[in-house]
Amino acid sequence: EFNVTTGTTDYDVDSSQATFLSVVGPAGVVGAHPSEVIIRTNATITVKFNATTNMGFTVTASDSPLVWQGEVQNIFITNNSGGTAAVKIIALP
């Protein structure tokens, strides 16, 4: 669980949260990336999966949790909600 301050663009979860991928498996090994993630937030955020150039998905507190299935190599979060967003990500193998 971590906070993303308002005005943050493309917060790099893999670089900023050391344990994000470490709970799934070592890099370079099949299955090293989660096949499903669950994202909870208390604010409106935009989430991009795997690259900052990919399409963003808007998630509001009332949409939370967002369940995403597919290989996730990284998550990028933008917060323009006007307040700090509390974010919790659960990664499943």
Protein backbone atom coordinates (compact mmCIF):
# COMPACT_ATOMS: atom_id res chain seq x y z
CA GLU A 1 0.00 0.00 0.00
CA PHE A 2 1.34 3.43 -0.93
CA ASN A 3 0.28 7.02 -1.63
CA VAL A 4 0.42 8.94 -4.91
CA THR A 5 0.32 12.72 -4.49
CA THR A 6 -1.92 14.85 -6.64
CA GLY A 7 -0.28 16.13 -9.81
CA THR A 8 1.81 12.99 -10.22
CA THR A 9 2.02 11.69 -13.79
CA ASP A 10 3.01 8.11 -14.68
CA TYR A 11 4.15 7.07 -11.19
CA ASP A 12 6.30 4.01 -11.92
CA VAL A 13 5.14 1.31 -9.52
CA ASP A 14 7.92 -1.17 -10.37
CA SER A 15 10.69 1.38 -9.74
CA SER A 16 9.04 3.02 -6.73
CA GLN A 17 7.67 -0.01 -4.90
CA ALA A 18 10.47 -2.57 -4.54
CA THR A 19 8.20 -5.43 -3.49
CA PHE A 20 5.67 -5.06 -6.34
CA LEU A 21 7.10 -7.81 -8.58
CA SER A 22 9.33 -9.57 -6.05
CA VAL A 23 6.37 -11.46 -4.60
CA VAL A 24 5.64 -13.18 -7.93
CA GLY A 25 9.00 -14.50 -9.10
CA PRO A 26 12.52 -13.60 -10.25
CA ALA A 27 12.99 -11.61 -13.46
CA GLY A 28 13.71 -13.62 -16.60
CA VAL A 29 11.72 -16.64 -15.45
CA VAL A 30 8.43 -17.76 -16.98
CA GLY A 31 5.69 -16.63 -14.65
CA ALA A 32 7.82 -13.82 -13.22
CA HIS A 33 5.04 -11.32 -13.85
CA PRO A 34 1.56 -11.36 -12.35
CA SER A 35 -1.27 -12.62 -14.55
CA GLU A 36 -3.83 -10.69 -12.52
CA VAL A 37 -3.76 -7.56 -10.38
CA ILE A 38 -6.35 -5.99 -8.12
CA ILE A 39 -6.10 -2.23 -7.57
CA ARG A 40 -7.89 -0.37 -4.78
CA THR A 41 -7.91 3.41 -4.37
CA ASN A 42 -9.74 6.09 -2.44
CA ALA A 43 -9.44 8.72 -5.19
CA THR A 44 -9.77 9.04 -8.96
CA ILE A 45 -6.60 7.85 -10.69
CA THR A 46 -5.59 6.81 -14.19
CA VAL A 47 -3.81 3.48 -14.55
CA LYS A 48 -1.67 2.30 -17.49
CA PHE A 49 -0.35 -1.23 -17.75
CA ASN A 50 3.15 -2.16 -18.97
CA ALA A 51 4.09 1.14 -20.72
CA THR A 52 3.38 4.85 -20.33
CA THR A 53 2.32 4.94 -24.00
CA ASN A 54 -0.51 2.43 -23.45
CA MET A 55 -4.13 3.51 -23.02
CA GLY A 56 -5.04 4.67 -19.53
CA PHE A 57 -8.00 3.42 -17.51
CA THR A 58 -9.70 5.80 -15.10
CA VAL A 59 -10.48 4.27 -11.72
CA THR A 60 -12.59 6.09 -9.13
CA ALA A 61 -13.06 5.16 -5.49
CA SER A 62 -16.53 3.85 -6.38
CA ASP A 63 -15.02 1.67 -9.19
CA SER A 64 -12.52 0.26 -6.76
CA PRO A 65 -11.35 -2.47 -6.81
CA LEU A 66 -10.27 -2.73 -10.43
CA VAL A 67 -9.41 -6.29 -11.47
CA TRP A 68 -7.08 -6.63 -14.46
CA GLN A 69 -6.18 -9.95 -16.08
CA GLY A 70 -3.20 -10.34 -18.39
CA GLU A 71 0.55 -10.25 -17.90
CA VAL A 72 1.52 -7.12 -15.97
CA GLN A 73 5.16 -6.05 -16.23
CA ASN A 74 4.60 -2.64 -14.70
CA ILE A 75 1.87 -0.19 -13.67
CA PHE A 76 1.91 3.58 -14.14
CA ILE A 77 -0.44 5.78 -12.11
CA THR A 78 -1.49 9.38 -12.74
CA ASN A 79 -3.28 11.29 -9.98
CA ASN A 80 -5.07 14.52 -10.84
CA SER A 81 -7.76 14.12 -8.18
CA GLY A 82 -6.78 17.18 -6.16
CA GLY A 83 -5.72 15.07 -3.16
CA THR A 84 -3.39 12.25 -2.24
CA ALA A 85 -4.55 8.86 -3.51
CA ALA A 86 -4.06 5.82 -1.28
CA VAL A 87 -3.39 2.86 -3.59
CA LYS A 88 -3.21 -0.83 -2.80
CA ILE A 89 -2.17 -3.37 -5.43
CA ILE A 90 -2.52 -7.11 -5.02
CA ALA A 91 -0.54 -9.09 -7.60
CA LEU A 92 -1.52 -12.68 -8.32
CA PRO A 93 0.64 -15.21 -10.18
